[in-house]
PDB file of N, CA and C in Angstrom:
ATOM      1  N   MET A   1      -4.481 -35.059  14.711  1.00  0.00           N
ATOM      2  CA  MET A   1      -5.891 -35.422  15.223  1.00  0.00           C
ATOM      3  C   MET A   1      -6.151 -33.797  16.193  1.00  0.00           C
ATOM      4  N   LEU A   2      -4.920 -33.507  17.068  1.00  0.00           N
ATOM      5  CA  LEU A   2      -5.416 -32.095  17.654  1.00  0.00           C
ATOM      6  C   LEU A   2      -4.680 -30.896  17.134  1.00  0.00           C
ATOM      7  N   GLU A   3      -3.657 -31.500  16.410  1.00  0.00           N
ATOM      8  CA  GLU A   3      -2.752 -30.396  16.405  1.00  0.00           C
ATOM      9  C   GLU A   3      -3.168 -28.894  15.796  1.00  0.00           C
ATOM     10  N   ASP A   4      -4.022 -29.276  15.054  1.00  0.00           N
ATOM     11  CA  ASP A   4      -4.690 -27.642  14.370  1.00  0.00           C
ATOM     12  C   ASP A   4      -5.825 -27.470  15.405  1.00  0.00           C
ATOM     13  N   GLN A   5      -6.892 -27.955  15.987  1.00  0.00           N
ATOM     14  CA  GLN A   5      -6.956 -27.031  17.437  1.00  0.00           C
ATOM     15  C   GLN A   5      -6.209 -26.538  18.377  1.00  0.00           C
ATOM     16  N   GLN A   6      -7.286 -25.708  18.864  1.00  0.00           N
ATOM     17  CA  GLN A   6      -7.128 -24.604  20.132  1.00  0.00           C
ATOM     18  C   GLN A   6      -6.454 -25.503  20.740  1.00  0.00           C
ATOM     19  N   LEU A   7      -5.284 -25.069  21.873  1.00  0.00           N
ATOM     20  CA  LEU A   7      -5.449 -25.778  23.298  1.00  0.00           C
ATOM     21  C   LEU A   7      -6.141 -24.614  24.267  1.00  0.00           C
ATOM     22  N   MET A   8      -6.521 -25.555  25.562  1.00  0.00           N
ATOM     23  CA  MET A   8      -6.687 -24.515  26.543  1.00  0.00           C
ATOM     24  C   MET A   8      -6.154 -25.262  27.761  1.00  0.00           C
ATOM     25  N   ALA A   9      -5.252 -24.531  28.807  1.00  0.00           N
ATOM     26  CA  ALA A   9      -4.751 -24.912  29.804  1.00  0.00           C
ATOM     27  C   ALA A   9      -5.725 -24.591  31.023  1.00  0.00           C
ATOM     28  N   PHE A  10      -5.545 -25.392  32.192  1.00  0.00           N
ATOM     29  CA  PHE A  10      -6.086 -25.448  33.205  1.00  0.00           C
ATOM     30  C   PHE A  10      -4.840 -25.712  34.573  1.00  0.00           C
ATOM     31  N   LEU A  11      -5.426 -24.507  35.557  1.00  0.00           N
ATOM     32  CA  LEU A  11      -5.133 -24.704  36.647  1.00  0.00           C
ATOM     33  C   LEU A  11      -5.909 -24.603  37.926  1.00  0.00           C
ATOM     34  N   ALA A  12      -5.661 -24.924  39.141  1.00  0.00           N
ATOM     35  CA  ALA A  12      -6.325 -25.379  40.467  1.00  0.00           C
ATOM     36  C   ALA A  12      -6.050 -23.452  41.461  1.00  0.00           C
ATOM     37  N   THR A  13      -7.346 -23.495  41.830  1.00  0.00           N
ATOM     38  CA  THR A  13      -7.322 -22.269  43.097  1.00  0.00           C
ATOM     39  C   THR A  13      -7.991 -22.592  44.225  1.00  0.00           C
ATOM     40  N   ALA A  14      -7.931 -22.847  45.589  1.00  0.00           N
ATOM     41  CA  ALA A  14      -8.284 -22.341  46.679  1.00  0.00           C
ATOM     42  C   ALA A  14      -8.140 -21.133  46.599  1.00  0.00           C
ATOM     43  N   ARG A  15      -7.975 -20.355  46.306  1.00  0.00           N
ATOM     44  CA  ARG A  15      -8.220 -18.709  46.861  1.00  0.00           C
ATOM     45  C   ARG A  15      -8.466 -17.972  45.337  1.00  0.00           C
ATOM     46  N   ALA A  16      -9.464 -18.255  44.886  1.00  0.00           N
ATOM     47  CA  ALA A  16     -10.447 -17.456  44.286  1.00  0.00           C
ATOM     48  C   ALA A  16      -9.941 -16.280  43.581  1.00  0.00           C
ATOM     49  N   ASP A  17     -10.791 -15.266  44.760  1.00  0.00           N
ATOM     50  CA  ASP A  17     -10.135 -13.797  44.886  1.00  0.00           C
ATOM     51  C   ASP A  17      -9.045 -13.574  44.736  1.00  0.00           C
ATOM     52  N   GLU A  18      -7.829 -14.113  45.389  1.00  0.00           N
ATOM     53  CA  GLU A  18      -6.514 -13.835  44.792  1.00  0.00           C
ATOM     54  C   GLU A  18      -6.220 -14.150  43.817  1.00  0.00           C
ATOM     55  N   ALA A  19      -6.477 -15.340  43.362  1.00  0.00           N
ATOM     56  CA  ALA A  19      -6.430 -15.476  41.601  1.00  0.00           C
ATOM     57  C   ALA A  19      -6.523 -14.376  40.490  1.00  0.00           C
ATOM     58  N   LEU A  20      -7.904 -13.950  41.026  1.00  0.00           N
ATOM     59  CA  LEU A  20      -8.239 -13.100  39.821  1.00  0.00           C
ATOM     60  C   LEU A  20      -7.522 -12.332  39.937  1.00  0.00           C
ATOM     61  N   VAL A  21      -7.064 -11.449  41.044  1.00  0.00           N
ATOM     62  CA  VAL A  21      -6.562 -10.431  41.207  1.00  0.00           C
ATOM     63  C   VAL A  21      -4.790 -10.754  40.660  1.00  0.00           C
ATOM     64  N   PHE A  22      -4.447 -11.511  41.055  1.00  0.00           N
ATOM     65  CA  PHE A  22      -2.840 -12.222  40.121  1.00  0.00           C
ATOM     66  C   PHE A  22      -3.127 -12.271  38.627  1.00  0.00           C
ATOM     67  N   TYR A  23      -3.762 -13.093  38.447  1.00  0.00           N
ATOM     68  CA  TYR A  23      -3.619 -13.227  36.744  1.00  0.00           C
ATOM     69  C   TYR A  23      -4.275 -12.117  35.747  1.00  0.00           C
ATOM     70  N   ARG A  24      -5.256 -11.223  36.455  1.00  0.00           N
ATOM     71  CA  ARG A  24      -5.369  -9.822  35.824  1.00  0.00           C
ATOM     72  C   ARG A  24      -4.576  -8.845  36.401  1.00  0.00           C
ATOM     73  N   ASP A  25      -4.687  -8.788  37.622  1.00  0.00           N
ATOM     74  CA  ASP A  25      -3.825  -7.176  37.909  1.00  0.00           C
ATOM     75  C   ASP A  25      -1.608  -7.343  37.582  1.00  0.00           C
ATOM     76  N   VAL A  26      -1.385  -8.680  38.175  1.00  0.00           N
ATOM     77  CA  VAL A  26      -0.204  -8.816  38.762  1.00  0.00           C
ATOM     78  C   VAL A  26       0.840  -8.969  36.894  1.00  0.00           C
ATOM     79  N   LEU A  27      -0.407  -9.884  36.306  1.00  0.00           N
ATOM     80  CA  LEU A  27       0.228 -10.768  35.192  1.00  0.00           C
ATOM     81  C   LEU A  27      -0.352 -10.465  33.905  1.00  0.00           C
ATOM     82  N   GLY A  28      -1.715  -9.736  34.138  1.00  0.00           N
ATOM     83  CA  GLY A  28      -2.139  -8.543  32.954  1.00  0.00           C
ATOM     84  C   GLY A  28      -3.059  -9.439  32.109  1.00  0.00           C
ATOM     85  N   LEU A  29      -3.190 -10.499  32.539  1.00  0.00           N
ATOM     86  CA  LEU A  29      -3.850 -11.311  30.810  1.00  0.00           C
ATOM     87  C   LEU A  29      -5.471 -11.072  31.196  1.00  0.00           C
ATOM     88  N   ARG A  30      -6.151 -10.850  30.084  1.00  0.00           N
ATOM     89  CA  ARG A  30      -7.596 -10.961  29.246  1.00  0.00           C
ATOM     90  C   ARG A  30      -8.181 -11.911  30.741  1.00  0.00           C
ATOM     91  N   PHE A  31      -9.489 -10.813  31.123  1.00  0.00           N
ATOM     92  CA  PHE A  31     -10.143 -11.791  32.409  1.00  0.00           C
ATOM     93  C   PHE A  31     -11.158 -11.965  31.495  1.00  0.00           C
ATOM     94  N   VAL A  32     -11.717 -13.036  31.432  1.00  0.00           N
ATOM     95  CA  VAL A  32     -13.099 -13.680  30.110  1.00  0.00           C
ATOM     96  C   VAL A  32     -14.432 -13.503  31.380  1.00  0.00           C
ATOM     97  N   ALA A  33     -14.051 -14.515  32.400  1.00  0.00           N
ATOM     98  CA  ALA A  33     -15.586 -14.920  33.633  1.00  0.00           C
ATOM     99  C   ALA A  33     -14.775 -15.136  34.590  1.00  0.00           C
ATOM    100  N   ASP A  34     -16.008 -14.859  35.263  1.00  0.00           N
ATOM    101  CA  ASP A  34     -15.755 -15.629  37.215  1.00  0.00           C
ATOM    102  C   ASP A  34     -17.202 -16.549  36.931  1.00  0.00           C
ATOM    103  N   GLU A  35     -17.118 -17.986  36.908  1.00  0.00           N
ATOM    104  CA  GLU A  35     -17.691 -18.496  36.462  1.00  0.00           C
ATOM    105  C   GLU A  35     -18.094 -19.365  37.705  1.00  0.00           C
ATOM    106  N   TYR A  36     -18.800 -20.540  37.698  1.00  0.00           N
ATOM    107  CA  TYR A  36     -19.226 -21.180  39.119  1.00  0.00           C
ATOM    108  C   TYR A  36     -17.898 -21.590  39.530  1.00  0.00           C
ATOM    109  N   VAL A  37     -17.419 -22.544  38.201  1.00  0.00           N
ATOM    110  CA  VAL A  37     -16.477 -23.607  38.822  1.00  0.00           C
ATOM    111  C   VAL A  37     -15.037 -23.205  38.308  1.00  0.00           C
ATOM    112  N   ALA A  38     -14.807 -21.720  37.986  1.00  0.00           N
ATOM    113  CA  ALA A  38     -13.315 -21.430  37.443  1.00  0.00           C
ATOM    114  C   ALA A  38     -13.353 -20.201  37.287  1.00  0.00           C
ATOM    115  N   LEU A  39     -12.619 -19.255  36.863  1.00  0.00           N
ATOM    116  CA  LEU A  39     -12.004 -18.075  36.970  1.00  0.00           C
ATOM    117  C   LEU A  39     -11.494 -18.329  35.033  1.00  0.00           C
ATOM    118  N   VAL A  40     -11.826 -17.508  34.441  1.00  0.00           N
ATOM    119  CA  VAL A  40     -11.049 -18.005  33.071  1.00  0.00           C
ATOM    120  C   VAL A  40     -10.966 -16.565  32.225  1.00  0.00           C
ATOM    121  N   PHE A  41      -9.485 -16.767  31.982  1.00  0.00           N
ATOM    122  CA  PHE A  41      -8.685 -15.535  31.097  1.00  0.00           C
ATOM    123  C   PHE A  41      -8.303 -16.087  29.513  1.00  0.00           C
ATOM    124  N   GLU A  42      -7.163 -15.165  29.251  1.00  0.00           N
ATOM    125  CA  GLU A  42      -7.125 -15.421  27.852  1.00  0.00           C
ATOM    126  C   GLU A  42      -5.660 -15.131  27.466  1.00  0.00           C
ATOM    127  N   SER A  43      -4.727 -15.626  27.420  1.00  0.00           N
ATOM    128  CA  SER A  43      -3.517 -15.633  27.006  1.00  0.00           C
ATOM    129  C   SER A  43      -2.462 -15.888  25.871  1.00  0.00           C
ATOM    130  N   SER A  44      -2.786 -14.805  24.695  1.00  0.00           N
ATOM    131  CA  SER A  44      -2.713 -15.080  23.269  1.00  0.00           C
ATOM    132  C   SER A  44      -3.027 -15.778  23.215  1.00  0.00           C
ATOM    133  N   GLY A  45      -4.878 -15.718  23.156  1.00  0.00           N
ATOM    134  CA  GLY A  45      -5.078 -16.697  21.971  1.00  0.00           C
ATOM    135  C   GLY A  45      -5.410 -18.188  22.511  1.00  0.00           C
ATOM    136  N   VAL A  46      -4.630 -18.429  24.518  1.00  0.00           N
ATOM    137  CA  VAL A  46      -4.923 -19.410  25.112  1.00  0.00           C
ATOM    138  C   VAL A  46      -5.861 -19.117  25.672  1.00  0.00           C
ATOM    139  N   MET A  47      -7.131 -20.412  25.841  1.00  0.00           N
ATOM    140  CA  MET A  47      -7.828 -20.036  27.322  1.00  0.00           C
ATOM    141  C   MET A  47      -7.107 -20.769  28.172  1.00  0.00           C
ATOM    142  N   LEU A  48      -7.628 -20.010  29.712  1.00  0.00           N
ATOM    143  CA  LEU A  48      -6.744 -20.638  30.402  1.00  0.00           C
ATOM    144  C   LEU A  48      -7.839 -20.517  31.685  1.00  0.00           C
ATOM    145  N   ARG A  49      -8.400 -21.674  32.193  1.00  0.00           N
ATOM    146  CA  ARG A  49      -9.380 -22.178  33.138  1.00  0.00           C
ATOM    147  C   ARG A  49      -8.797 -22.202  34.774  1.00  0.00           C
ATOM    148  N   ILE A  50      -8.924 -21.431  35.239  1.00  0.00           N
ATOM    149  CA  ILE A  50      -8.985 -21.405  36.726  1.00  0.00           C
ATOM    150  C   ILE A  50      -9.909 -22.276  37.461  1.00  0.00           C
ATOM    151  N   GLN A  51      -9.487 -23.600  37.978  1.00  0.00           N
ATOM    152  CA  GLN A  51     -10.396 -24.248  38.282  1.00  0.00           C
ATOM    153  C   GLN A  51     -10.615 -23.865  39.801  1.00  0.00           C
ATOM    154  N   LYS A  52     -12.102 -23.471  40.306  1.00  0.00           N
ATOM    155  CA  LYS A  52     -11.844 -23.863  41.297  1.00  0.00           C
ATOM    156  C   LYS A  52     -11.988 -24.965  42.841  1.00  0.00           C
ATOM    157  N   VAL A  53     -11.149 -25.046  43.273  1.00  0.00           N
ATOM    158  CA  VAL A  53     -11.364 -25.845  44.745  1.00  0.00           C
ATOM    159  C   VAL A  53     -11.520 -25.893  45.968  1.00  0.00           C
ATOM    160  N   GLU A  54     -11.708 -26.401  46.722  1.00  0.00           N
ATOM    161  CA  GLU A  54     -11.747 -26.643  47.866  1.00  0.00           C
ATOM    162  C   GLU A  54     -10.525 -26.546  49.002  1.00  0.00           C
ATOM    163  N   GLN A  55     -10.184 -27.009  48.543  1.00  0.00           N
ATOM    164  CA  GLN A  55      -8.041 -27.253  48.423  1.00  0.00           C
ATOM    165  C   GLN A  55      -7.578 -27.679  47.465  1.00  0.00           C
ATOM    166  N   HIS A  56      -6.309 -27.112  47.483  1.00  0.00           N
ATOM    167  CA  HIS A  56      -5.229 -27.292  46.279  1.00  0.00           C
ATOM    168  C   HIS A  56      -3.932 -27.463  46.964  1.00  0.00           C
ATOM    169  N   THR A  57      -3.087 -28.662  46.842  1.00  0.00           N
ATOM    170  CA  THR A  57      -1.801 -29.168  46.848  1.00  0.00           C
ATOM    171  C   THR A  57      -1.055 -29.369  45.065  1.00  0.00           C
ATOM    172  N   PRO A  58      -0.295 -27.837  45.156  1.00  0.00           N
ATOM    173  CA  PRO A  58       0.635 -27.448  44.020  1.00  0.00           C
ATOM    174  C   PRO A  58       1.480 -28.774  43.652  1.00  0.00           C
ATOM    175  N   PHE A  59       2.022 -28.984  42.226  1.00  0.00           N
ATOM    176  CA  PHE A  59       2.931 -29.161  41.905  1.00  0.00           C
ATOM    177  C   PHE A  59       3.944 -28.957  42.827  1.00  0.00           C
ATOM    178  N   PRO A  60       5.313 -29.526  42.651  1.00  0.00           N
ATOM    179  CA  PRO A  60       6.625 -29.030  43.173  1.00  0.00           C
ATOM    180  C   PRO A  60       7.649 -28.677  41.600  1.00  0.00           C
ATOM    181  N   TYR A  61       6.893 -28.488  40.632  1.00  0.00           N
ATOM    182  CA  TYR A  61       7.495 -28.186  39.207  1.00  0.00           C
ATOM    183  C   TYR A  61       6.425 -27.155  38.367  1.00  0.00           C
ATOM    184  N   THR A  62       7.498 -27.211  37.523  1.00  0.00           N
ATOM    185  CA  THR A  62       6.151 -25.818  36.742  1.00  0.00           C
ATOM    186  C   THR A  62       5.069 -26.368  36.040  1.00  0.00           C
ATOM    187  N   ALA A  63       3.938 -26.055  36.226  1.00  0.00           N
ATOM    188  CA  ALA A  63       2.251 -26.310  35.890  1.00  0.00           C
ATOM    189  C   ALA A  63       1.976 -25.558  34.775  1.00  0.00           C
ATOM    190  N   LEU A  64       2.829 -24.138  34.595  1.00  0.00           N
ATOM    191  CA  LEU A  64       2.623 -22.952  33.615  1.00  0.00           C
ATOM    192  C   LEU A  64       3.492 -22.160  33.216  1.00  0.00           C
ATOM    193  N   GLY A  65       3.659 -21.766  32.150  1.00  0.00           N
ATOM    194  CA  GLY A  65       4.705 -20.926  30.992  1.00  0.00           C
ATOM    195  C   GLY A  65       4.390 -20.288  29.995  1.00  0.00           C
ATOM    196  N   TRP A  66       4.956 -19.288  30.232  1.00  0.00           N
ATOM    197  CA  TRP A  66       5.015 -18.407  28.529  1.00  0.00           C
ATOM    198  C   TRP A  66       6.433 -17.925  28.267  1.00  0.00           C
ATOM    199  N   LYS A  67       6.669 -18.070  27.089  1.00  0.00           N
ATOM    200  CA  LYS A  67       7.718 -18.007  26.038  1.00  0.00           C
ATOM    201  C   LYS A  67       7.839 -16.442  25.731  1.00  0.00           C
ATOM    202  N   VAL A  68       8.604 -15.745  26.131  1.00  0.00           N
ATOM    203  CA  VAL A  68       9.044 -14.520  25.662  1.00  0.00           C
ATOM    204  C   VAL A  68      10.069 -14.263  25.059  1.00  0.00           C
ATOM    205  N   SER A  69       9.916 -12.799  24.597  1.00  0.00           N
ATOM    206  CA  SER A  69      11.597 -12.530  23.453  1.00  0.00           C
ATOM    207  C   SER A  69      11.950 -11.722  24.432  1.00  0.00           C
ATOM    208  N   ASP A  70      11.751 -10.964  25.733  1.00  0.00           N
ATOM    209  CA  ASP A  70      12.579 -10.444  26.198  1.00  0.00           C
ATOM    210  C   ASP A  70      12.339 -10.352  27.739  1.00  0.00           C
ATOM    211  N   LEU A  71      13.422 -11.865  28.459  1.00  0.00           N
ATOM    212  CA  LEU A  71      13.180 -12.115  30.033  1.00  0.00           C
ATOM    213  C   LEU A  71      13.664 -11.497  30.475  1.00  0.00           C
ATOM    214  N   SER A  72      14.250  -9.963  30.472  1.00  0.00           N
ATOM    215  CA  SER A  72      14.283  -9.779  31.526  1.00  0.00           C
ATOM    216  C   SER A  72      13.323  -8.846  31.758  1.00  0.00           C
ATOM    217  N   ALA A  73      13.437  -7.517  30.874  1.00  0.00           N
ATOM    218  CA  ALA A  73      12.327  -6.821  30.935  1.00  0.00           C
ATOM    219  C   ALA A  73      10.953  -6.971  31.070  1.00  0.00           C
ATOM    220  N   LYS A  74      10.717  -8.835  31.058  1.00  0.00           N
ATOM    221  CA  LYS A  74       9.390  -9.325  31.150  1.00  0.00           C
ATOM    222  C   LYS A  74       9.463  -9.471  33.008  1.00  0.00           C
ATOM    223  N   VAL A  75      11.032  -9.908  33.520  1.00  0.00           N
ATOM    224  CA  VAL A  75      10.852 -10.274  35.182  1.00  0.00           C
ATOM    225  C   VAL A  75      10.668  -9.314  35.706  1.00  0.00           C
ATOM    226  N   THR A  76      11.542  -7.738  35.077  1.00  0.00           N
ATOM    227  CA  THR A  76      11.629  -6.653  35.880  1.00  0.00           C
ATOM    228  C   THR A  76       9.831  -5.984  35.861  1.00  0.00           C
ATOM    229  N   GLU A  77       9.168  -6.123  34.597  1.00  0.00           N
ATOM    230  CA  GLU A  77       7.961  -5.243  35.031  1.00  0.00           C
ATOM    231  C   GLU A  77       6.964  -6.252  35.252  1.00  0.00           C
ATOM    232  N   LEU A  78       7.070  -7.250  35.854  1.00  0.00           N
ATOM    233  CA  LEU A  78       6.434  -8.594  36.781  1.00  0.00           C
ATOM    234  C   LEU A  78       6.669  -8.538  38.012  1.00  0.00           C
ATOM    235  N   ALA A  79       7.773  -8.831  38.213  1.00  0.00           N
ATOM    236  CA  ALA A  79       8.474  -7.726  39.812  1.00  0.00           C
ATOM    237  C   ALA A  79       7.096  -6.655  40.031  1.00  0.00           C
ATOM    238  N   ARG A  80       7.609  -5.540  39.225  1.00  0.00           N
ATOM    239  CA  ARG A  80       6.876  -4.386  39.808  1.00  0.00           C
ATOM    240  C   ARG A  80       5.808  -4.504  39.815  1.00  0.00           C
ATOM    241  N   ASN A  81       4.877  -5.722  39.565  1.00  0.00           N
ATOM    242  CA  ASN A  81       3.485  -5.174  39.801  1.00  0.00           C
ATOM    243  C   ASN A  81       3.538  -6.427  40.938  1.00  0.00           C
ATOM    244  N   GLY A  82       4.298  -6.538  41.592  1.00  0.00           N
ATOM    245  CA  GLY A  82       4.210  -8.060  42.590  1.00  0.00           C
ATOM    246  C   GLY A  82       4.325  -9.093  42.421  1.00  0.00           C
ATOM    247  N   ALA A  83       4.916  -9.733  41.439  1.00  0.00           N
ATOM    248  CA  ALA A  83       5.130 -11.152  41.308  1.00  0.00           C
ATOM    249  C   ALA A  83       7.130 -11.714  42.174  1.00  0.00           C
ATOM    250  N   ARG A  84       6.991 -12.433  43.042  1.00  0.00           N
ATOM    251  CA  ARG A  84       8.045 -12.866  43.592  1.00  0.00           C
ATOM    252  C   ARG A  84       8.929 -13.590  42.857  1.00  0.00           C
ATOM    253  N   PHE A  85       9.869 -13.505  42.437  1.00  0.00           N
ATOM    254  CA  PHE A  85      10.696 -14.495  41.545  1.00  0.00           C
ATOM    255  C   PHE A  85      11.513 -15.725  42.281  1.00  0.00           C
ATOM    256  N   GLU A  86      11.352 -16.854  41.871  1.00  0.00           N
ATOM    257  CA  GLU A  86      12.141 -17.707  42.978  1.00  0.00           C
ATOM    258  C   GLU A  86      13.372 -18.379  42.894  1.00  0.00           C
ATOM    259  N   ARG A  87      14.317 -18.793  43.891  1.00  0.00           N
ATOM    260  CA  ARG A  87      15.506 -19.099  43.687  1.00  0.00           C
ATOM    261  C   ARG A  87      15.395 -20.086  44.322  1.00  0.00           C
ATOM    262  N   PHE A  88      16.333 -21.002  43.758  1.00  0.00           N
ATOM    263  CA  PHE A  88      16.767 -22.327  43.792  1.00  0.00           C
ATOM    264  C   PHE A  88      18.245 -23.017  44.176  1.00  0.00           C
ATOM    265  N   ALA A  89      18.324 -23.885  45.535  1.00  0.00           N
ATOM    266  CA  ALA A  89      19.765 -23.645  45.802  1.00  0.00           C
ATOM    267  C   ALA A  89      20.426 -24.410  44.361  1.00  0.00           C
ATOM    268  N   GLY A  90      21.612 -24.548  44.391  1.00  0.00           N
ATOM    269  CA  GLY A  90      22.130 -25.381  43.041  1.00  0.00           C
ATOM    270  C   GLY A  90      21.998 -24.751  42.436  1.00  0.00           C
ATOM    271  N   MET A  91      21.469 -23.657  41.682  1.00  0.00           N
ATOM    272  CA  MET A  91      20.948 -23.013  40.267  1.00  0.00           C
ATOM    273  C   MET A  91      21.830 -21.764  40.448  1.00  0.00           C
ATOM    274  N   ALA A  92      22.734 -21.586  39.318  1.00  0.00           N
ATOM    275  CA  ALA A  92      23.080 -19.805  39.160  1.00  0.00           C
ATOM    276  C   ALA A  92      22.411 -19.214  38.405  1.00  0.00           C
ATOM    277  N   GLN A  93      21.286 -18.608  39.498  1.00  0.00           N
ATOM    278  CA  GLN A  93      20.459 -17.105  38.886  1.00  0.00           C
ATOM    279  C   GLN A  93      21.042 -15.957  39.260  1.00  0.00           C
ATOM    280  N   ASP A  94      20.548 -15.084  38.157  1.00  0.00           N
ATOM    281  CA  ASP A  94      21.043 -13.531  38.031  1.00  0.00           C
ATOM    282  C   ASP A  94      20.685 -13.143  39.469  1.00  0.00           C
ATOM    283  N   ASP A  95      21.243 -11.732  39.260  1.00  0.00           N
ATOM    284  CA  ASP A  95      20.358 -11.271  40.230  1.00  0.00           C
ATOM    285  C   ASP A  95      18.156 -10.754  40.143  1.00  0.00           C
ATOM    286  N   LEU A  96      18.171 -10.891  38.422  1.00  0.00           N
ATOM    287  CA  LEU A  96      16.811 -11.099  38.896  1.00  0.00           C
ATOM    288  C   LEU A  96      15.949 -12.617  39.023  1.00  0.00           C
ATOM    289  N   GLY A  97      17.148 -13.450  39.325  1.00  0.00           N
ATOM    290  CA  GLY A  97      16.629 -15.040  39.651  1.00  0.00           C
ATOM    291  C   GLY A  97      16.322 -15.210  38.051  1.00  0.00           C
ATOM    292  N   ILE A  98      16.974 -15.172  36.775  1.00  0.00           N
ATOM    293  CA  ILE A  98      17.275 -15.581  35.717  1.00  0.00           C
ATOM    294  C   ILE A  98      18.243 -17.009  35.820  1.00  0.00           C
ATOM    295  N   TRP A  99      17.716 -17.838  35.580  1.00  0.00           N
ATOM    296  CA  TRP A  99      19.207 -19.444  34.858  1.00  0.00           C
ATOM    297  C   TRP A  99      19.245 -19.407  33.494  1.00  0.00           C
ATOM    298  N   THR A 100      20.198 -19.678  33.211  1.00  0.00           N
ATOM    299  CA  THR A 100      20.199 -19.867  31.814  1.00  0.00           C
ATOM    300  C   THR A 100      20.469 -21.683  31.876  1.00  0.00           C
ATOM    301  N   SER A 101      19.930 -22.083  31.288  1.00  0.00           N
ATOM    302  CA  SER A 101      19.861 -23.709  31.140  1.00  0.00           C
ATOM    303  C   SER A 101      20.879 -24.113  30.244  1.00  0.00           C
ATOM    304  N   PRO A 102      21.433 -25.484  30.058  1.00  0.00           N
ATOM    305  CA  PRO A 102      22.890 -25.697  29.371  1.00  0.00           C
ATOM    306  C   PRO A 102      22.383 -25.591  27.606  1.00  0.00           C
ATOM    307  N   SER A 103      21.330 -25.365  27.421  1.00  0.00           N
ATOM    308  CA  SER A 103      21.018 -25.157  25.812  1.00  0.00           C
ATOM    309  C   SER A 103      20.671 -23.776  25.454  1.00  0.00           C
ATOM    310  N   GLY A 104      20.916 -23.354  26.336  1.00  0.00           N
ATOM    311  CA  GLY A 104      20.753 -21.546  25.931  1.00  0.00           C
ATOM    312  C   GLY A 104      19.819 -20.525  26.638  1.00  0.00           C
ATOM    313  N   ALA A 105      18.311 -21.244  26.338  1.00  0.00           N
ATOM    314  CA  ALA A 105      17.246 -21.321  27.127  1.00  0.00           C
ATOM    315  C   ALA A 105      17.634 -20.197  27.910  1.00  0.00           C
ATOM    316  N   ARG A 106      17.023 -18.691  28.376  1.00  0.00           N
ATOM    317  CA  ARG A 106      16.928 -18.741  30.165  1.00  0.00           C
ATOM    318  C   ARG A 106      15.816 -18.852  30.505  1.00  0.00           C
ATOM    319  N   VAL A 107      15.382 -18.872  32.078  1.00  0.00           N
ATOM    320  CA  VAL A 107      14.349 -19.389  32.723  1.00  0.00           C
ATOM    321  C   VAL A 107      13.827 -18.679  33.961  1.00  0.00           C
ATOM    322  N   ALA A 108      13.042 -18.179  34.225  1.00  0.00           N
ATOM    323  CA  ALA A 108      12.686 -17.488  35.596  1.00  0.00           C
ATOM    324  C   ALA A 108      11.639 -18.020  36.158  1.00  0.00           C
ATOM    325  N   TRP A 109      11.292 -18.458  37.504  1.00  0.00           N
ATOM    326  CA  TRP A 109      10.024 -19.351  37.656  1.00  0.00           C
ATOM    327  C   TRP A 109       9.635 -17.998  38.974  1.00  0.00           C
ATOM    328  N   PHE A 110       7.792 -18.106  39.208  1.00  0.00           N
ATOM    329  CA  PHE A 110       7.300 -17.809  40.170  1.00  0.00           C
ATOM    330  C   PHE A 110       6.126 -18.426  40.650  1.00  0.00           C
ATOM    331  N   LYS A 111       5.627 -17.781  41.590  1.00  0.00           N
ATOM    332  CA  LYS A 111       3.981 -18.515  42.143  1.00  0.00           C
ATOM    333  C   LYS A 111       3.150 -17.493  42.631  1.00  0.00           C
ATOM    334  N   ASP A 112       2.056 -18.491  41.814  1.00  0.00           N
ATOM    335  CA  ASP A 112       0.775 -17.579  41.724  1.00  0.00           C
ATOM    336  C   ASP A 112       0.296 -18.031  43.608  1.00  0.00           C
ATOM    337  N   PRO A 113      -1.100 -17.556  44.244  1.00  0.00           N
ATOM    338  CA  PRO A 113      -1.135 -17.782  45.249  1.00  0.00           C
ATOM    339  C   PRO A 113      -1.410 -18.590  46.089  1.00  0.00           C
ATOM    340  N   ASP A 114      -2.025 -19.860  45.294  1.00  0.00           N
ATOM    341  CA  ASP A 114      -1.875 -20.663  45.619  1.00  0.00           C
ATOM    342  C   ASP A 114      -0.840 -21.839  45.335  1.00  0.00           C
ATOM    343  N   GLY A 115       0.345 -21.312  45.027  1.00  0.00           N
ATOM    344  CA  GLY A 115       2.048 -22.112  44.978  1.00  0.00           C
ATOM    345  C   GLY A 115       2.291 -22.912  43.714  1.00  0.00           C
ATOM    346  N   ASN A 116       0.826 -22.415  42.783  1.00  0.00           N
ATOM    347  CA  ASN A 116       1.402 -23.196  41.668  1.00  0.00           C
ATOM    348  C   ASN A 116       2.729 -22.539  41.032  1.00  0.00           C
ATOM    349  N   VAL A 117       3.346 -23.406  39.991  1.00  0.00           N
ATOM    350  CA  VAL A 117       4.738 -23.041  40.045  1.00  0.00           C
ATOM    351  C   VAL A 117       4.562 -22.368  38.268  1.00  0.00           C
ATOM    352  N   LEU A 118       5.235 -21.327  38.295  1.00  0.00           N
ATOM    353  CA  LEU A 118       4.921 -20.817  36.875  1.00  0.00           C
ATOM    354  C   LEU A 118       6.220 -20.419  35.858  1.00  0.00           C
ATOM    355  N   SER A 119       6.503 -20.528  34.957  1.00  0.00           N
ATOM    356  CA  SER A 119       7.782 -19.688  34.647  1.00  0.00           C
ATOM    357  C   SER A 119       7.524 -18.927  33.424  1.00  0.00           C
ATOM    358  N   LEU A 120       8.343 -18.312  32.820  1.00  0.00           N
ATOM    359  CA  LEU A 120       8.752 -17.229  32.095  1.00  0.00           C
ATOM    360  C   LEU A 120       9.897 -17.824  31.079  1.00  0.00           C
ATOM    361  N   THR A 121      10.290 -18.355  29.779  1.00  0.00           N
ATOM    362  CA  THR A 121      11.103 -18.640  29.483  1.00  0.00           C
ATOM    363  C   THR A 121      11.537 -18.156  27.809  1.00  0.00           C
ATOM    364  N   GLU A 122      13.034 -17.731  27.818  1.00  0.00           N
ATOM    365  CA  GLU A 122      13.191 -17.064  26.721  1.00  0.00           C
ATOM    366  C   GLU A 122      14.597 -18.115  26.012  1.00  0.00           C
ATOM    367  N   PHE A 123      13.864 -18.120  24.555  1.00  0.00           N
ATOM    368  CA  PHE A 123      14.759 -19.230  23.595  1.00  0.00           C
ATOM    369  C   PHE A 123      16.008 -18.483  22.881  1.00  0.00           C
TER     370      PHE A 123
END
């Protein structure tokens, strides 16, 4: 029913000015609009609407992620732009903060200004 329809993604921010800079300048997403209710970005054909809210409590797990072809290069590039990669107790992560899952997928996590957990994954 919806498999041939374009997906949209949603997050929330209580810090719209910081979110705008982070998603546009740190992550390099294409900025589309600053609407009354949301910041709008585009990432590889997917619309990301970051809803403006008064208060926001982020989920303690990944809210949004990207599949990348060269994880080490993307982590290095984003870190250079100001992203800070997370480290988790009990997880064997390399010097860049990359964890290799039992399936062989490699994952790195970082947070936006509101504490939303974002990820990069290389399969």
